[in-house]
């Protein structure tokens, strides 16, 4: 539960950003509802008499989900906060917000948590800043599309004319530009011209790469300077070479020990697999003999 010295928090200065400065009690309650403390019971305790109460005694009211307790005529909130702390059965679950030393001492005596008003406001400001929507990107205002281009892209994406975002329709006014002044547009023709120019540049670079001479082959680099490359055989010598039988590649037989070891490993793995299959069929009680699954029996004609 939060127990907040309302006027002590509202009178703290130099903490909130400009757009949050000058809060009243309702605004403070709204910030608490949107902060990390949302969902916790909150009691604001105020000095004096509730406006419109019609009497000078203590009174209570509500702002949203929060309770507001007014101390009464000629009374300060400190005394009421001390009563709340002293009368709580679970004082250790309280968070008391006030920069008043009297309140701080009362909270510590009962084992309640305590926080300065300035620190509490800083938390609220941080939480409020995180919950703010992101601003529109700058290009929405810098390069707005013309009505013709908006219509083109709406047609491309299958949207109706009224589906254009407000940021596109009102981008001129949001950027501080007079509605009657012409808006700068993104010229599609210029973009196409730039694309053609980029394509020509790419073609020229490709042509220059194709015209570059290839580096010499490895055979040419190994040949001594001045030696002519070996010419292919012609005439009778070429016929003789063609009639010579080609040398058949030698067949290499695998090393017998390695082959035997591989066969043993394969047989061992097969035995493991067969045992696993046999156990699975027994567990499932399918009435299938694992030997019936041996394909070698069927291929060889065995029954």
Protein backbone atom coordinates (compact mmCIF):
# COMPACT_ATOMS: atom_id res chain seq x y z
CA UNK A 1 0.00 0.00 0.00
CA UNK A 2 1.21 3.52 -0.84
CA UNK A 3 0.66 6.29 1.70
CA UNK A 4 1.49 9.59 -0.01
CA UNK A 5 1.88 12.98 1.65
CA UNK A 6 0.04 14.63 -1.24
CA UNK A 7 0.92 18.31 -0.80
CA UNK A 8 4.52 17.47 0.10
CA UNK A 9 4.88 15.68 -3.24
CA UNK A 10 3.00 18.31 -5.26
CA UNK A 11 5.16 21.13 -3.87
CA UNK A 12 8.46 19.42 -4.82
CA UNK A 13 10.08 21.41 -7.64
CA UNK A 14 12.78 20.88 -10.25
CA UNK A 15 12.07 17.18 -10.77
CA UNK A 16 9.33 16.79 -13.35
CA UNK A 17 9.91 17.69 -17.01
CA UNK A 18 8.26 20.80 -18.37
CA UNK A 19 5.24 19.03 -19.87
CA UNK A 20 4.43 17.46 -16.47
CA UNK A 21 5.22 20.42 -14.23
CA UNK A 22 2.43 22.09 -12.25
CA UNK A 23 0.51 18.93 -11.40
CA UNK A 24 -2.62 18.95 -9.32
CA UNK A 25 -3.88 16.05 -7.21
CA UNK A 26 -5.86 14.47 -10.08
CA UNK A 27 -2.83 14.59 -12.37
CA UNK A 28 -0.62 13.04 -9.68
CA UNK A 29 -3.13 10.23 -9.22
CA UNK A 30 -3.15 9.61 -12.99
CA UNK A 31 0.67 9.38 -13.09
CA UNK A 32 0.66 6.85 -10.25
CA UNK A 33 -1.93 4.75 -12.11
CA UNK A 34 0.36 4.63 -15.18
CA UNK A 35 3.58 3.93 -13.26
CA UNK A 36 5.31 0.87 -11.84
CA UNK A 37 3.04 1.28 -8.77
CA UNK A 38 -0.13 0.64 -10.78
CA UNK A 39 -2.42 -1.87 -9.11
CA UNK A 40 -1.27 -1.13 -5.56
CA UNK A 41 -3.73 0.46 -3.10
CA UNK A 42 -2.98 4.19 -2.84
CA UNK A 43 -4.01 6.69 -0.16
CA UNK A 44 -3.28 10.39 -0.63
CA UNK A 45 -3.29 12.32 2.67
CA UNK A 46 -3.89 16.07 2.41
CA UNK A 47 -3.74 18.98 4.81
CA UNK A 48 -6.93 20.89 5.69
CA UNK A 49 -10.54 20.48 4.62
CA UNK A 50 -11.86 18.82 1.51
CA UNK A 51 -13.28 21.40 -0.91
CA UNK A 52 -17.07 21.42 -0.67
CA UNK A 53 -17.13 19.20 2.43
CA UNK A 54 -19.43 21.56 4.33
CA UNK A 55 -17.68 20.90 7.67
CA UNK A 56 -14.23 21.32 9.19
CA UNK A 57 -13.64 17.72 10.29
CA UNK A 58 -11.66 14.98 8.56
CA UNK A 59 -13.22 13.67 5.36
CA UNK A 60 -12.50 11.20 2.59
CA UNK A 61 -12.94 11.13 -1.18
CA UNK A 62 -11.82 9.13 -4.19
CA UNK A 63 -9.91 9.97 -7.36
CA UNK A 64 -10.10 7.02 -9.70
CA UNK A 65 -8.92 3.96 -7.80
CA UNK A 66 -7.07 6.04 -5.17
CA UNK A 67 -8.39 7.12 -1.77
CA UNK A 68 -7.97 10.71 -0.59
CA UNK A 69 -8.00 11.54 3.12
CA UNK A 70 -8.26 15.17 4.28
CA UNK A 71 -6.95 15.84 7.79
CA UNK A 72 -9.54 18.53 8.59
CA UNK A 73 -9.51 22.18 9.52
CA UNK A 74 -6.32 23.34 11.22
CA UNK A 75 -4.76 19.88 10.98
CA UNK A 76 -1.75 18.69 8.97
CA UNK A 77 -1.40 15.51 7.01
CA UNK A 78 1.58 14.39 9.15
CA UNK A 79 -0.64 13.43 12.10
CA UNK A 80 -3.00 11.40 9.91
CA UNK A 81 -0.10 9.59 8.20
CA UNK A 82 1.34 8.71 11.62
CA UNK A 83 -2.06 7.23 12.60
CA UNK A 84 -2.16 5.12 9.43
CA UNK A 85 1.36 3.79 10.06
CA UNK A 86 0.71 3.06 13.73
CA UNK A 87 -2.63 1.35 13.08
CA UNK A 88 -1.46 -0.86 10.23
CA UNK A 89 -1.29 -4.60 10.95
CA UNK A 90 1.27 -5.02 8.14
CA UNK A 91 3.38 -1.89 8.43
CA UNK A 92 6.28 -3.62 6.64
CA UNK A 93 4.16 -3.67 3.47
CA UNK A 94 3.66 0.09 3.47
CA UNK A 95 5.55 2.51 1.25
CA UNK A 96 5.35 6.01 2.75
CA UNK A 97 6.17 8.90 0.41
CA UNK A 98 7.18 12.18 2.04
CA UNK A 99 10.27 14.33 2.50
CA UNK A 100 9.17 15.28 6.03
CA UNK A 101 11.59 13.97 8.68
CA UNK A 102 8.73 13.44 11.11
CA UNK A 103 7.09 11.00 8.67
CA UNK A 104 10.41 9.31 7.94
CA UNK A 105 11.01 8.59 11.64
CA UNK A 106 7.48 7.25 12.12
CA UNK A 107 7.89 4.89 9.16
CA UNK A 108 11.22 3.57 10.41
CA UNK A 109 9.87 2.91 13.88
CA UNK A 110 7.26 0.55 12.43
CA UNK A 111 9.51 -1.01 9.78
CA UNK A 112 7.70 0.60 6.85
CA UNK A 113 9.48 1.55 3.63
CA UNK A 114 10.03 5.25 3.06
CA UNK A 115 10.84 7.35 -0.01
CA UNK A 116 11.50 11.04 -0.54
CA UNK A 117 8.96 13.00 -2.58
CA UNK A 118 11.62 13.99 -5.12
CA UNK A 119 12.65 10.36 -5.71
CA UNK A 120 9.03 9.33 -6.09
CA UNK A 121 8.37 12.05 -8.68
CA UNK A 122 11.47 10.99 -10.59
CA UNK A 123 10.12 7.44 -10.82
CA UNK A 124 6.78 8.72 -12.09
CA UNK A 125 8.48 10.89 -14.73
CA UNK A 126 10.61 7.97 -15.97
CA UNK A 127 7.60 5.69 -16.24
CA UNK A 128 5.57 8.36 -18.02
CA UNK A 129 8.38 8.92 -20.54
CA UNK A 130 8.57 5.20 -21.34
CA UNK A 131 4.83 5.01 -21.95
CA UNK A 132 4.78 7.96 -24.40
CA UNK A 133 4.25 6.97 -28.07
CA UNK A 134 7.22 7.32 -30.39
CA UNK A 135 7.18 10.54 -32.44
CA UNK A 136 6.66 10.37 -36.19
CA UNK A 137 9.90 9.97 -38.18
CA UNK A 138 11.31 13.15 -39.68
CA UNK A 139 10.84 12.04 -43.31
CA UNK A 140 7.06 12.26 -42.84
CA UNK A 141 7.43 16.04 -42.72
CA UNK A 142 10.53 16.48 -44.89
CA UNK A 143 9.39 14.54 -47.99
CA UNK A 144 5.58 14.40 -48.03
CA UNK A 145 4.02 12.71 -51.05
CA UNK A 146 1.86 14.53 -53.55
CA UNK A 147 -1.81 13.56 -53.82
CA UNK A 148 -1.09 11.71 -57.09
CA UNK A 149 1.66 9.66 -55.49
CA UNK A 150 -0.49 8.91 -52.44
CA UNK A 151 -3.22 7.64 -54.76
CA UNK A 152 -0.70 5.53 -56.67
CA UNK A 153 0.61 3.77 -53.56
CA UNK A 154 -2.88 3.29 -52.14
CA UNK A 155 -3.77 1.51 -55.37
CA UNK A 156 -0.59 -0.59 -55.25
CA UNK A 157 -1.37 -1.82 -51.72
CA UNK A 158 -5.07 -2.27 -52.38
CA UNK A 159 -6.21 0.43 -49.93
CA UNK A 160 -9.14 2.80 -50.23
CA UNK A 161 -8.64 6.50 -50.71
CA UNK A 162 -9.73 7.27 -47.13
CA UNK A 163 -7.22 4.84 -45.65
CA UNK A 164 -4.24 7.21 -45.95
CA UNK A 165 -2.68 7.82 -42.51
CA UNK A 166 -3.26 11.21 -40.92
CA UNK A 167 0.51 11.70 -40.88
CA UNK A 168 0.53 11.63 -44.72
CA UNK A 169 -2.59 13.78 -45.19
CA UNK A 170 -1.56 16.41 -42.63
CA UNK A 171 2.21 16.29 -42.93
CA UNK A 172 2.43 19.83 -44.27
CA UNK A 173 0.68 21.40 -41.27
CA UNK A 174 2.56 19.26 -38.70
CA UNK A 175 5.88 20.53 -39.97
CA UNK A 176 4.89 24.17 -39.39
CA UNK A 177 4.19 24.79 -43.14
CA UNK A 178 1.28 26.93 -44.28
CA UNK A 179 -1.53 24.77 -45.69
CA UNK A 180 -1.78 27.05 -48.74
CA UNK A 181 1.93 26.82 -49.58
CA UNK A 182 3.05 24.19 -52.10
CA UNK A 183 4.52 21.02 -50.63
CA UNK A 184 7.81 19.58 -51.92
CA UNK A 185 7.17 16.30 -53.67
CA UNK A 186 9.31 13.29 -54.48
CA UNK A 187 9.61 13.27 -58.28
CA UNK A 188 9.19 9.74 -59.55
CA UNK A 189 10.61 10.74 -62.94
CA UNK A 190 13.85 11.92 -61.31
CA UNK A 191 14.12 8.66 -59.39
CA UNK A 192 13.72 6.70 -62.63
CA UNK A 193 16.37 8.87 -64.30
CA UNK A 194 18.78 8.23 -61.44
CA UNK A 195 18.07 4.50 -61.69
CA UNK A 196 18.86 4.51 -65.43
CA UNK A 197 22.06 6.43 -64.77
CA UNK A 198 23.08 3.91 -62.12
CA UNK A 199 22.39 1.07 -64.55
CA UNK A 200 24.62 2.67 -67.20
CA UNK A 201 27.42 3.08 -64.67
CA UNK A 202 27.12 -0.55 -63.64
CA UNK A 203 27.28 -1.67 -67.32
CA UNK A 204 30.43 0.41 -67.91
CA UNK A 205 32.10 -1.12 -64.86
CA UNK A 206 31.19 -4.63 -66.05
CA UNK A 207 32.62 -3.91 -69.53
CA UNK A 208 35.90 -2.65 -68.06
CA UNK A 209 36.22 -5.81 -65.99
CA UNK A 210 35.60 -8.00 -69.08
CA UNK A 211 38.30 -6.10 -71.03
CA UNK A 212 40.96 -6.70 -68.38
CA UNK A 213 43.52 -9.30 -69.65
CA UNK A 214 43.55 -12.58 -67.78
CA UNK A 215 46.63 -13.37 -65.70
CA UNK A 216 49.04 -15.95 -67.14
CA UNK A 217 48.34 -19.58 -66.37
CA UNK A 218 50.36 -21.58 -63.90
CA UNK A 219 52.03 -23.49 -66.76
CA UNK A 220 53.15 -20.24 -68.39
CA UNK A 221 54.56 -18.99 -65.08
CA UNK A 222 56.59 -22.18 -64.64
CA UNK A 223 58.04 -22.13 -68.21
CA UNK A 224 61.54 -20.52 -68.40
CA UNK A 225 61.79 -17.27 -70.31
CA UNK A 226 62.45 -17.82 -74.04
CA UNK A 227 61.16 -21.42 -74.13
CA UNK A 228 58.30 -21.97 -76.52
CA UNK A 229 55.29 -23.92 -75.34
CA UNK A 230 55.11 -27.58 -76.33
CA UNK A 231 53.23 -28.03 -79.62
CA UNK A 232 50.76 -30.87 -80.14
CA UNK A 233 51.96 -33.92 -82.08
CA UNK A 234 50.87 -34.09 -85.75
CA UNK A 235 51.02 -36.56 -88.63
CA UNK A 236 52.30 -40.14 -88.20
CA UNK A 237 53.46 -39.58 -84.60
CA UNK A 238 49.95 -38.52 -83.59
CA UNK A 239 48.48 -41.69 -85.16
CA UNK A 240 50.97 -43.89 -83.29
CA UNK A 241 50.10 -42.26 -79.98
CA UNK A 242 46.40 -42.72 -80.67
CA UNK A 243 46.85 -46.48 -81.37
CA UNK A 244 48.75 -47.15 -78.14
CA UNK A 245 46.49 -48.86 -75.57
CA UNK A 246 45.65 -46.72 -72.60
CA UNK A 247 47.09 -47.87 -69.32
CA UNK A 248 44.35 -49.30 -67.17
CA UNK A 249 44.19 -48.04 -63.60
CA UNK A 250 45.41 -50.48 -61.01
CA UNK A 251 42.76 -51.90 -58.78
CA UNK A 252 43.55 -51.48 -55.14
CA UNK A 253 42.16 -53.91 -52.69
CA UNK A 254 41.21 -52.78 -49.21
CA UNK A 255 43.35 -53.68 -46.33
CA UNK A 256 42.00 -56.99 -45.00
CA UNK A 257 42.27 -56.13 -41.26
CA UNK A 258 40.45 -52.83 -41.78
CA UNK A 259 37.71 -54.54 -43.80
CA UNK A 260 37.21 -57.21 -41.13
CA UNK A 261 37.03 -54.58 -38.40
CA UNK A 262 34.40 -52.63 -40.33
CA UNK A 263 32.34 -55.78 -40.81
CA UNK A 264 32.52 -56.58 -37.10
CA UNK A 265 31.34 -53.10 -36.17
CA UNK A 266 28.49 -53.33 -38.66
CA UNK A 267 27.42 -56.73 -37.30
CA UNK A 268 27.61 -55.43 -33.72
CA UNK A 269 25.43 -52.45 -34.58
CA UNK A 270 22.93 -54.77 -36.34
CA UNK A 271 22.74 -56.98 -33.26
CA UNK A 272 22.02 -53.92 -31.11
CA UNK A 273 19.33 -52.72 -33.52
CA UNK A 274 17.75 -56.18 -33.68
CA UNK A 275 17.63 -56.43 -29.90
CA UNK A 276 16.06 -52.96 -29.61
CA UNK A 277 13.45 -53.87 -32.22
CA UNK A 278 12.72 -57.18 -30.50
CA UNK A 279 12.21 -55.42 -27.14
CA UNK A 280 9.93 -52.79 -28.74
CA UNK A 281 7.72 -55.44 -30.34
CA UNK A 282 7.50 -57.34 -27.07
CA UNK A 283 6.56 -54.20 -25.10
CA UNK A 284 3.84 -53.26 -27.61
CA UNK A 285 2.56 -56.88 -27.73
CA UNK A 286 1.96 -56.66 -31.49
CA UNK A 287 2.34 -60.40 -32.11
CA UNK A 288 5.09 -59.86 -34.73
CA UNK A 289 8.20 -62.02 -34.82
CA UNK A 290 11.30 -59.86 -35.48
CA UNK A 291 12.67 -62.64 -37.72
CA UNK A 292 9.74 -62.03 -40.08
CA UNK A 293 11.13 -58.55 -40.69
CA UNK A 294 14.46 -59.90 -41.97
CA UNK A 295 14.34 -59.02 -45.69
CA UNK A 296 17.14 -61.47 -46.51
CA UNK A 297 14.80 -64.40 -45.78
CA UNK A 298 12.21 -63.10 -48.21
CA UNK A 299 14.67 -62.16 -50.94
CA UNK A 300 16.33 -65.57 -50.76
CA UNK A 301 12.97 -67.38 -50.93
CA UNK A 302 13.04 -68.55 -47.30
CA UNK A 303 9.70 -69.23 -45.54
